[in-house]
Amino acid sequence: MSRIENQIVLITGASSGIGAACAEVFARSGARLILAARRGERLEHLGTELQQQYGRPVLCLTLDVRDRVQVEATLQSLPAEWAAIDILINNAGLSRGLDKLYEGKVQDWEEMIDTNIKGLLYVTRTVVPGMVSRGRGHVINIGSIAGHQTYPKGNVYCATKAAVRALSEGLNIDLLGTAVRVSSVDPGLVDTEFSTVRFHGDTDRAKAVYQGLTPLSGEDVAEVVLFCATRPPHVNLSEVLLLPTAQATPTLVHRSESAAD
C-alpha cells in the first residue's frame, strides 16, 4: 500500500456510498484526499472523521459535477499543495426511475446523463492534462454491470453506464504511450443509497432490491478500487466486473430466505 502513501486522490460523489468507502480505505492507506460532493455539510463531517481517525490531510470541495463552469473553476484553482492529483476516482453517479423508455421522465434522463456522463467528462477533462504533463496518474471510473448488459426498464441508466465503459476504453487508447492508467470498476448490486435515489426516496421499494441475498457493500467496491490503484506501474486493471456471489447478470439473482437482508 506504500505505493499511494501521500499521493493526492480526488474522489467525486464522496459524501456517501462507494465514494465515502473509497475515502476511508484510501485514508487508511496513507493517501491525501480531495473529497468532492454536492452535500457539503455531510462531506465536511466525513472529512473531519477521517482526519481524526487516520491523521491524513483532507480537502473538502462542495461541487456539483454537472456544472462545467464550477468544475473547471474549482479544480483549476486548487491550492498549490493539492493541485498535482495522482488518482482520480470518478464515482459521482446515480440512477433515477425504473420505467419503460416511452413512459420515462425526461427530468430523470437529464439528471442521469448530466451526472453519469457529462459530469465524468468535465472532471476528467480538467484533471487528466495535468497527469499527462507530470508523467503519472490513474483515472478510476466507477461503472456498473448495467454498462455490460441492458435490463428491463433500465434503458437510460444502462446507456449512461455503457457510455462510461466506452469512455474508459477511449481514454485508455488516447493515453497509450503515457504513464497514465485508466481503470473501470463495474459493480453489480451494492447496498448503498443507490436504490433509494432511484426510487425517489421510497425506502421500502429500495430495501426489496437487496432482500434474500447478501449484496456487495461500498467497502467491497472500495477495496477493489484500492487494489487497482496499488498495482505496479506496468500493470493496469483496465476493467473489473465485481458481483455478489448471488448475482450472475443484471437480472439473474439467487434469493433465499436464509440470506442476509
C-alpha atoms as a PDB file:
ATOM      1  CA  MET A   1       0.000   0.000   0.000  1.00  0.00           C
ATOM      2  CA  SER A   2       3.042   2.299   0.272  1.00  0.00           C
ATOM      3  CA  ARG A   3       2.606   2.984  -3.465  1.00  0.00           C
ATOM      4  CA  ILE A   4      -0.140   5.511  -2.682  1.00  0.00           C
ATOM      5  CA  GLU A   5       1.158   6.922   0.591  1.00  0.00           C
ATOM      6  CA  ASN A   6       0.976  10.736   0.388  1.00  0.00           C
ATOM      7  CA  GLN A   7      -0.475  10.592  -3.118  1.00  0.00           C
ATOM      8  CA  ILE A   8      -3.317  13.020  -3.802  1.00  0.00           C
ATOM      9  CA  VAL A   9      -6.598  11.221  -4.505  1.00  0.00           C
ATOM     10  CA  LEU A  10      -9.662  13.102  -5.808  1.00  0.00           C
ATOM     11  CA  ILE A  11     -12.963  11.286  -5.203  1.00  0.00           C
ATOM     12  CA  THR A  12     -16.220  12.632  -6.625  1.00  0.00           C
ATOM     13  CA  GLY A  13     -19.545  11.721  -5.060  1.00  0.00           C
ATOM     14  CA  ALA A  14     -17.614  11.203  -1.835  1.00  0.00           C
ATOM     15  CA  SER A  15     -20.308  12.036   0.722  1.00  0.00           C
ATOM     16  CA  SER A  16     -21.874   8.554   0.827  1.00  0.00           C
ATOM     17  CA  GLY A  17     -21.855   5.001  -0.517  1.00  0.00           C
ATOM     18  CA  ILE A  18     -18.948   3.827  -2.635  1.00  0.00           C
ATOM     19  CA  GLY A  19     -17.365   7.284  -2.611  1.00  0.00           C
ATOM     20  CA  ALA A  20     -17.293   7.522   1.183  1.00  0.00           C
ATOM     21  CA  ALA A  21     -15.985   3.951   1.406  1.00  0.00           C
ATOM     22  CA  CYS A  22     -13.196   4.814  -1.053  1.00  0.00           C
ATOM     23  CA  ALA A  23     -12.329   7.836   1.081  1.00  0.00           C
ATOM     24  CA  GLU A  24     -11.914   5.640   4.136  1.00  0.00           C
ATOM     25  CA  VAL A  25      -9.819   2.877   2.550  1.00  0.00           C
ATOM     26  CA  PHE A  26      -7.527   5.379   0.833  1.00  0.00           C
ATOM     27  CA  ALA A  27      -7.127   7.434   4.034  1.00  0.00           C
ATOM     28  CA  ARG A  28      -6.316   4.222   5.903  1.00  0.00           C
ATOM     29  CA  SER A  29      -3.642   3.519   3.278  1.00  0.00           C
ATOM     30  CA  GLY A  30      -1.932   6.884   3.728  1.00  0.00           C
ATOM     31  CA  ALA A  31      -3.310   8.947   0.831  1.00  0.00           C
ATOM     32  CA  ARG A  32      -4.093  12.658   0.894  1.00  0.00           C
ATOM     33  CA  LEU A  33      -7.742  13.150  -0.024  1.00  0.00           C
ATOM     34  CA  ILE A  34      -9.699  15.684  -2.022  1.00  0.00           C
ATOM     35  CA  LEU A  35     -13.349  14.850  -1.396  1.00  0.00           C
ATOM     36  CA  ALA A  36     -15.976  16.364  -3.678  1.00  0.00           C
ATOM     37  CA  ALA A  37     -19.767  16.164  -3.460  1.00  0.00           C
ATOM     38  CA  ARG A  38     -22.882  18.309  -3.526  1.00  0.00           C
ATOM     39  CA  ARG A  39     -23.769  17.715   0.138  1.00  0.00           C
ATOM     40  CA  GLY A  40     -21.182  19.953   1.738  1.00  0.00           C
ATOM     41  CA  GLU A  41     -22.170  19.518   5.379  1.00  0.00           C
ATOM     42  CA  ARG A  42     -22.138  15.754   5.133  1.00  0.00           C
ATOM     43  CA  LEU A  43     -18.824  15.892   3.289  1.00  0.00           C
ATOM     44  CA  GLU A  44     -17.194  18.086   5.940  1.00  0.00           C
ATOM     45  CA  HIS A  45     -18.332  15.683   8.649  1.00  0.00           C
ATOM     46  CA  LEU A  46     -16.746  12.762   6.796  1.00  0.00           C
ATOM     47  CA  GLY A  47     -13.545  14.721   6.206  1.00  0.00           C
ATOM     48  CA  THR A  48     -13.241  15.602   9.892  1.00  0.00           C
ATOM     49  CA  GLU A  49     -13.801  11.977  10.909  1.00  0.00           C
ATOM     50  CA  LEU A  50     -11.129  10.712   8.516  1.00  0.00           C
ATOM     51  CA  GLN A  51      -8.599  13.313   9.631  1.00  0.00           C
ATOM     52  CA  GLN A  52      -9.165  12.425  13.271  1.00  0.00           C
ATOM     53  CA  GLN A  53      -9.066   8.663  12.706  1.00  0.00           C
ATOM     54  CA  TYR A  54      -6.182   8.371  10.240  1.00  0.00           C
ATOM     55  CA  GLY A  55      -4.289  11.636  10.596  1.00  0.00           C
ATOM     56  CA  ARG A  56      -4.313  12.249   6.846  1.00  0.00           C
ATOM     57  CA  PRO A  57      -4.876  15.650   5.202  1.00  0.00           C
ATOM     58  CA  VAL A  58      -8.352  16.060   3.693  1.00  0.00           C
ATOM     59  CA  LEU A  59      -9.620  18.871   1.456  1.00  0.00           C
ATOM     60  CA  CYS A  60     -13.402  19.020   1.045  1.00  0.00           C
ATOM     61  CA  LEU A  61     -14.993  20.627  -2.020  1.00  0.00           C
ATOM     62  CA  THR A  62     -18.710  21.299  -2.327  1.00  0.00           C
ATOM     63  CA  LEU A  63     -19.043  20.551  -6.019  1.00  0.00           C
ATOM     64  CA  ASP A  64     -21.756  19.620  -8.497  1.00  0.00           C
ATOM     65  CA  VAL A  65     -20.044  17.736 -11.321  1.00  0.00           C
ATOM     66  CA  ARG A  66     -22.940  18.622 -13.650  1.00  0.00           C
ATOM     67  CA  ASP A  67     -21.832  22.273 -13.616  1.00  0.00           C
ATOM     68  CA  ARG A  68     -18.919  22.534 -16.075  1.00  0.00           C
ATOM     69  CA  VAL A  69     -18.020  26.098 -15.111  1.00  0.00           C
ATOM     70  CA  GLN A  70     -17.969  25.199 -11.426  1.00  0.00           C
ATOM     71  CA  VAL A  71     -15.890  22.073 -12.055  1.00  0.00           C
ATOM     72  CA  GLU A  72     -13.304  23.954 -14.072  1.00  0.00           C
ATOM     73  CA  ALA A  73     -13.116  26.917 -11.686  1.00  0.00           C
ATOM     74  CA  THR A  74     -12.862  24.734  -8.584  1.00  0.00           C
ATOM     75  CA  LEU A  75     -10.319  22.222  -9.845  1.00  0.00           C
ATOM     76  CA  GLN A  76      -8.157  24.759 -11.647  1.00  0.00           C
ATOM     77  CA  SER A  77      -7.865  26.906  -8.517  1.00  0.00           C
ATOM     78  CA  LEU A  78      -6.818  24.240  -6.039  1.00  0.00           C
ATOM     79  CA  PRO A  79      -4.154  25.310  -3.524  1.00  0.00           C
ATOM     80  CA  ALA A  80      -0.672  24.573  -4.887  1.00  0.00           C
ATOM     81  CA  GLU A  81      -0.106  21.741  -2.427  1.00  0.00           C
ATOM     82  CA  TRP A  82      -3.236  19.976  -3.717  1.00  0.00           C
ATOM     83  CA  ALA A  83      -3.000  20.658  -7.445  1.00  0.00           C
ATOM     84  CA  ALA A  84      -0.950  17.632  -8.565  1.00  0.00           C
ATOM     85  CA  ILE A  85      -3.702  14.999  -8.444  1.00  0.00           C
ATOM     86  CA  ASP A  86      -2.300  11.473  -8.674  1.00  0.00           C
ATOM     87  CA  ILE A  87      -5.510   9.424  -8.673  1.00  0.00           C
ATOM     88  CA  LEU A  88      -8.957  10.491  -9.890  1.00  0.00           C
ATOM     89  CA  ILE A  89     -11.895   8.327  -8.809  1.00  0.00           C
ATOM     90  CA  ASN A  90     -14.907   9.301 -10.920  1.00  0.00           C
ATOM     91  CA  ASN A  91     -17.592   7.965  -8.608  1.00  0.00           C
ATOM     92  CA  ALA A  92     -20.343  10.589  -8.800  1.00  0.00           C
ATOM     93  CA  GLY A  93     -23.355   8.985 -10.426  1.00  0.00           C
ATOM     94  CA  LEU A  94     -26.953   7.973  -9.879  1.00  0.00           C
ATOM     95  CA  SER A  95     -29.984   6.243 -11.290  1.00  0.00           C
ATOM     96  CA  ARG A  96     -33.437   7.785 -11.466  1.00  0.00           C
ATOM     97  CA  GLY A  97     -36.601   5.820 -12.096  1.00  0.00           C
ATOM     98  CA  LEU A  98     -37.297   2.369 -13.461  1.00  0.00           C
ATOM     99  CA  ASP A  99     -39.673   2.902 -16.354  1.00  0.00           C
ATOM    100  CA  LYS A 100     -40.233   1.805 -19.912  1.00  0.00           C
ATOM    101  CA  LEU A 101     -38.432   4.200 -22.222  1.00  0.00           C
ATOM    102  CA  TYR A 102     -41.621   5.599 -23.740  1.00  0.00           C
ATOM    103  CA  GLU A 103     -43.009   6.242 -20.244  1.00  0.00           C
ATOM    104  CA  GLY A 104     -39.820   7.669 -18.726  1.00  0.00           C
ATOM    105  CA  LYS A 105     -39.460  11.095 -17.159  1.00  0.00           C
ATOM    106  CA  VAL A 106     -37.264  13.462 -19.151  1.00  0.00           C
ATOM    107  CA  GLN A 107     -36.034  15.128 -15.956  1.00  0.00           C
ATOM    108  CA  ASP A 108     -34.773  11.736 -14.727  1.00  0.00           C
ATOM    109  CA  TRP A 109     -32.968  11.173 -18.033  1.00  0.00           C
ATOM    110  CA  GLU A 110     -31.305  14.566 -17.916  1.00  0.00           C
ATOM    111  CA  GLU A 111     -30.116  14.106 -14.335  1.00  0.00           C
ATOM    112  CA  MET A 112     -28.543  10.740 -15.162  1.00  0.00           C
ATOM    113  CA  ILE A 113     -26.931  11.923 -18.393  1.00  0.00           C
ATOM    114  CA  ASP A 114     -25.672  15.157 -16.840  1.00  0.00           C
ATOM    115  CA  THR A 115     -24.163  13.382 -13.822  1.00  0.00           C
ATOM    116  CA  ASN A 116     -23.039   9.991 -15.101  1.00  0.00           C
ATOM    117  CA  ILE A 117     -21.657  11.066 -18.469  1.00  0.00           C
ATOM    118  CA  LYS A 118     -21.159  14.817 -18.671  1.00  0.00           C
ATOM    119  CA  GLY A 119     -20.001  15.162 -15.072  1.00  0.00           C
ATOM    120  CA  LEU A 120     -17.415  12.436 -15.564  1.00  0.00           C
ATOM    121  CA  LEU A 121     -16.248  14.152 -18.744  1.00  0.00           C
ATOM    122  CA  TYR A 122     -15.960  17.594 -17.142  1.00  0.00           C
ATOM    123  CA  VAL A 123     -13.862  16.323 -14.236  1.00  0.00           C
ATOM    124  CA  THR A 124     -11.699  14.091 -16.421  1.00  0.00           C
ATOM    125  CA  ARG A 125     -11.074  16.846 -18.966  1.00  0.00           C
ATOM    126  CA  THR A 126      -9.961  19.187 -16.189  1.00  0.00           C
ATOM    127  CA  VAL A 127      -7.714  16.760 -14.293  1.00  0.00           C
ATOM    128  CA  VAL A 128      -6.072  14.499 -16.880  1.00  0.00           C
ATOM    129  CA  PRO A 129      -3.965  17.100 -18.744  1.00  0.00           C
ATOM    130  CA  GLY A 130      -2.025  17.682 -15.539  1.00  0.00           C
ATOM    131  CA  MET A 131      -1.431  13.964 -15.154  1.00  0.00           C
ATOM    132  CA  VAL A 132      -0.088  13.758 -18.692  1.00  0.00           C
ATOM    133  CA  SER A 133       2.238  16.726 -18.196  1.00  0.00           C
ATOM    134  CA  ARG A 134       3.559  15.297 -14.916  1.00  0.00           C
ATOM    135  CA  GLY A 135       4.044  11.846 -16.422  1.00  0.00           C
ATOM    136  CA  ARG A 136       1.987   9.993 -13.830  1.00  0.00           C
ATOM    137  CA  GLY A 137      -1.604   9.400 -12.815  1.00  0.00           C
ATOM    138  CA  HIS A 138      -4.505   6.979 -12.667  1.00  0.00           C
ATOM    139  CA  VAL A 139      -8.161   7.513 -13.564  1.00  0.00           C
ATOM    140  CA  ILE A 140     -10.559   5.005 -11.983  1.00  0.00           C
ATOM    141  CA  ASN A 141     -14.149   5.209 -13.211  1.00  0.00           C
ATOM    142  CA  ILE A 142     -16.954   3.583 -11.258  1.00  0.00           C
ATOM    143  CA  GLY A 143     -19.092   1.895 -13.885  1.00  0.00           C
ATOM    144  CA  SER A 144     -21.723  -0.791 -13.452  1.00  0.00           C
ATOM    145  CA  ILE A 145     -22.824  -4.204 -14.620  1.00  0.00           C
ATOM    146  CA  ALA A 146     -25.553  -2.121 -16.292  1.00  0.00           C
ATOM    147  CA  GLY A 147     -22.912  -0.966 -18.760  1.00  0.00           C
ATOM    148  CA  HIS A 148     -22.354  -4.566 -19.862  1.00  0.00           C
ATOM    149  CA  GLN A 149     -25.959  -5.687 -20.311  1.00  0.00           C
ATOM    150  CA  THR A 150     -29.215  -3.740 -20.533  1.00  0.00           C
ATOM    151  CA  TYR A 151     -32.014  -4.837 -18.250  1.00  0.00           C
ATOM    152  CA  PRO A 152     -35.780  -4.211 -18.435  1.00  0.00           C
ATOM    153  CA  LYS A 153     -36.721  -0.591 -17.679  1.00  0.00           C
ATOM    154  CA  GLY A 154     -33.062   0.291 -17.129  1.00  0.00           C
ATOM    155  CA  ASN A 155     -32.765   1.849 -20.609  1.00  0.00           C
ATOM    156  CA  VAL A 156     -31.264   5.310 -19.992  1.00  0.00           C
ATOM    157  CA  TYR A 157     -29.303   4.372 -16.858  1.00  0.00           C
ATOM    158  CA  CYS A 158     -27.815   1.388 -18.699  1.00  0.00           C
ATOM    159  CA  ALA A 159     -26.998   3.670 -21.630  1.00  0.00           C
ATOM    160  CA  THR A 160     -25.110   6.066 -19.343  1.00  0.00           C
ATOM    161  CA  LYS A 161     -23.072   3.248 -17.844  1.00  0.00           C
ATOM    162  CA  ALA A 162     -22.372   1.801 -21.287  1.00  0.00           C
ATOM    163  CA  ALA A 163     -21.063   5.265 -22.116  1.00  0.00           C
ATOM    164  CA  VAL A 164     -18.807   5.199 -19.050  1.00  0.00           C
ATOM    165  CA  ARG A 165     -17.417   1.882 -20.242  1.00  0.00           C
ATOM    166  CA  ALA A 166     -16.801   3.255 -23.755  1.00  0.00           C
ATOM    167  CA  LEU A 167     -15.257   6.452 -22.403  1.00  0.00           C
ATOM    168  CA  SER A 168     -12.927   4.430 -20.180  1.00  0.00           C
ATOM    169  CA  GLU A 169     -11.814   2.395 -23.188  1.00  0.00           C
ATOM    170  CA  GLY A 170     -11.419   5.512 -25.307  1.00  0.00           C
ATOM    171  CA  LEU A 171      -9.391   7.350 -22.669  1.00  0.00           C
ATOM    172  CA  ASN A 172      -7.159   4.309 -22.255  1.00  0.00           C
ATOM    173  CA  ILE A 173      -6.487   4.356 -26.008  1.00  0.00           C
ATOM    174  CA  ASP A 174      -5.834   8.098 -26.025  1.00  0.00           C
ATOM    175  CA  LEU A 175      -3.349   7.783 -23.149  1.00  0.00           C
ATOM    176  CA  LEU A 176      -1.379   4.972 -24.765  1.00  0.00           C
ATOM    177  CA  GLY A 177       2.274   5.918 -24.674  1.00  0.00           C
ATOM    178  CA  THR A 178       1.901   7.928 -21.467  1.00  0.00           C
ATOM    179  CA  ALA A 179       2.293   6.665 -17.903  1.00  0.00           C
ATOM    180  CA  VAL A 180      -1.331   7.490 -17.045  1.00  0.00           C
ATOM    181  CA  ARG A 181      -3.520   4.454 -16.375  1.00  0.00           C
ATOM    182  CA  VAL A 182      -7.298   4.064 -16.731  1.00  0.00           C
ATOM    183  CA  SER A 183      -9.429   1.509 -14.892  1.00  0.00           C
ATOM    184  CA  SER A 184     -13.153   0.875 -14.808  1.00  0.00           C
ATOM    185  CA  VAL A 185     -14.594  -0.882 -11.745  1.00  0.00           C
ATOM    186  CA  ASP A 186     -18.077  -2.143 -12.601  1.00  0.00           C
ATOM    187  CA  PRO A 187     -20.114  -3.474  -9.649  1.00  0.00           C
ATOM    188  CA  GLY A 188     -23.386  -5.337  -9.553  1.00  0.00           C
ATOM    189  CA  LEU A 189     -25.799  -4.998  -6.624  1.00  0.00           C
ATOM    190  CA  VAL A 190     -24.300  -2.755  -3.934  1.00  0.00           C
ATOM    191  CA  ASP A 191     -26.239  -1.874  -0.790  1.00  0.00           C
ATOM    192  CA  THR A 192     -25.906   1.916  -0.742  1.00  0.00           C
ATOM    193  CA  GLU A 193     -28.349   4.805  -1.235  1.00  0.00           C
ATOM    194  CA  PHE A 194     -28.458   3.877  -4.950  1.00  0.00           C
ATOM    195  CA  SER A 195     -31.936   2.314  -4.945  1.00  0.00           C
ATOM    196  CA  THR A 196     -33.376   4.916  -2.569  1.00  0.00           C
ATOM    197  CA  VAL A 197     -32.254   7.602  -5.014  1.00  0.00           C
ATOM    198  CA  ARG A 198     -33.554   5.610  -7.983  1.00  0.00           C
ATOM    199  CA  PHE A 199     -36.997   5.321  -6.397  1.00  0.00           C
ATOM    200  CA  HIS A 200     -37.073   8.974  -5.270  1.00  0.00           C
ATOM    201  CA  GLY A 201     -36.906   8.172  -1.545  1.00  0.00           C
ATOM    202  CA  ASP A 202     -39.171   5.090  -1.474  1.00  0.00           C
ATOM    203  CA  THR A 203     -37.154   3.155   1.132  1.00  0.00           C
ATOM    204  CA  ASP A 204     -39.429   0.114   1.188  1.00  0.00           C
ATOM    205  CA  ARG A 205     -39.077  -0.384  -2.545  1.00  0.00           C
ATOM    206  CA  ALA A 206     -35.334   0.201  -2.278  1.00  0.00           C
ATOM    207  CA  LYS A 207     -34.926  -2.334   0.527  1.00  0.00           C
ATOM    208  CA  ALA A 208     -36.683  -5.015  -1.540  1.00  0.00           C
ATOM    209  CA  VAL A 209     -33.899  -4.818  -4.154  1.00  0.00           C
ATOM    210  CA  TYR A 210     -31.449  -6.432  -1.705  1.00  0.00           C
ATOM    211  CA  GLN A 211     -33.762  -8.857   0.100  1.00  0.00           C
ATOM    212  CA  GLY A 212     -32.888 -12.547   0.014  1.00  0.00           C
ATOM    213  CA  LEU A 213     -29.219 -12.105  -0.851  1.00  0.00           C
ATOM    214  CA  THR A 214     -26.007 -10.635   0.505  1.00  0.00           C
ATOM    215  CA  PRO A 215     -25.182  -7.709  -1.794  1.00  0.00           C
ATOM    216  CA  LEU A 216     -21.833  -6.006  -2.116  1.00  0.00           C
ATOM    217  CA  SER A 217     -21.040  -3.238   0.337  1.00  0.00           C
ATOM    218  CA  GLY A 218     -19.466   0.079  -0.523  1.00  0.00           C
ATOM    219  CA  GLU A 219     -16.283  -1.121   1.163  1.00  0.00           C
ATOM    220  CA  ASP A 220     -16.196  -4.254  -1.042  1.00  0.00           C
ATOM    221  CA  VAL A 221     -16.045  -1.997  -4.085  1.00  0.00           C
ATOM    222  CA  ALA A 222     -13.596   0.415  -2.453  1.00  0.00           C
ATOM    223  CA  GLU A 223     -11.157  -2.410  -1.704  1.00  0.00           C
ATOM    224  CA  VAL A 224     -11.135  -3.336  -5.396  1.00  0.00           C
ATOM    225  CA  VAL A 225     -10.573   0.301  -6.359  1.00  0.00           C
ATOM    226  CA  LEU A 226      -7.635   0.385  -3.946  1.00  0.00           C
ATOM    227  CA  PHE A 227      -6.280  -2.850  -5.438  1.00  0.00           C
ATOM    228  CA  CYS A 228      -6.370  -1.281  -8.915  1.00  0.00           C
ATOM    229  CA  ALA A 229      -4.561   1.794  -7.644  1.00  0.00           C
ATOM    230  CA  THR A 230      -1.797  -0.132  -5.893  1.00  0.00           C
ATOM    231  CA  ARG A 231      -0.610  -2.345  -8.739  1.00  0.00           C
ATOM    232  CA  PRO A 232       2.950  -1.795 -10.013  1.00  0.00           C
ATOM    233  CA  PRO A 233       3.235   0.984 -12.624  1.00  0.00           C
ATOM    234  CA  HIS A 234       3.469  -1.504 -15.514  1.00  0.00           C
ATOM    235  CA  VAL A 235       0.175  -3.203 -14.518  1.00  0.00           C
ATOM    236  CA  ASN A 236      -3.222  -1.760 -15.433  1.00  0.00           C
ATOM    237  CA  LEU A 237      -6.506  -3.417 -14.492  1.00  0.00           C
ATOM    238  CA  SER A 238      -8.472  -1.825 -17.287  1.00  0.00           C
ATOM    239  CA  GLU A 239     -11.833  -3.365 -16.373  1.00  0.00           C
ATOM    240  CA  VAL A 240     -13.121  -5.225 -13.324  1.00  0.00           C
ATOM    241  CA  LEU A 241     -16.643  -6.685 -13.170  1.00  0.00           C
ATOM    242  CA  LEU A 242     -17.467  -7.131  -9.481  1.00  0.00           C
ATOM    243  CA  LEU A 243     -20.578  -9.054  -8.430  1.00  0.00           C
ATOM    244  CA  PRO A 244     -22.105 -10.559  -5.306  1.00  0.00           C
ATOM    245  CA  THR A 245     -21.855 -14.353  -5.371  1.00  0.00           C
ATOM    246  CA  ALA A 246     -25.648 -14.493  -5.648  1.00  0.00           C
ATOM    247  CA  GLN A 247     -25.705 -12.447  -8.874  1.00  0.00           C
ATOM    248  CA  ALA A 248     -24.808 -13.685 -12.356  1.00  0.00           C
ATOM    249  CA  THR A 249     -26.279 -10.971 -14.613  1.00  0.00           C
ATOM    250  CA  PRO A 250     -28.273  -7.772 -14.030  1.00  0.00           C
ATOM    251  CA  THR A 251     -31.459  -9.832 -13.788  1.00  0.00           C
ATOM    252  CA  LEU A 252     -30.289 -13.312 -12.718  1.00  0.00           C
ATOM    253  CA  VAL A 253     -30.093 -13.148  -8.932  1.00  0.00           C
ATOM    254  CA  HIS A 254     -30.471 -16.031  -6.496  1.00  0.00           C
ATOM    255  CA  ARG A 255     -32.540 -15.102  -3.454  1.00  0.00           C
ATOM    256  CA  SER A 256     -33.128 -17.230  -0.391  1.00  0.00           C
ATOM    257  CA  GLU A 257     -34.792 -16.724   2.975  1.00  0.00           C
ATOM    258  CA  SER A 258     -31.566 -17.585   4.785  1.00  0.00           C
ATOM    259  CA  ALA A 259     -29.546 -14.843   3.094  1.00  0.00           C
ATOM    260  CA  ALA A 260     -28.781 -11.648   4.944  1.00  0.00           C
ATOM    261  CA  ASP A 261     -31.136  -8.794   4.126  1.00  0.00           C
END
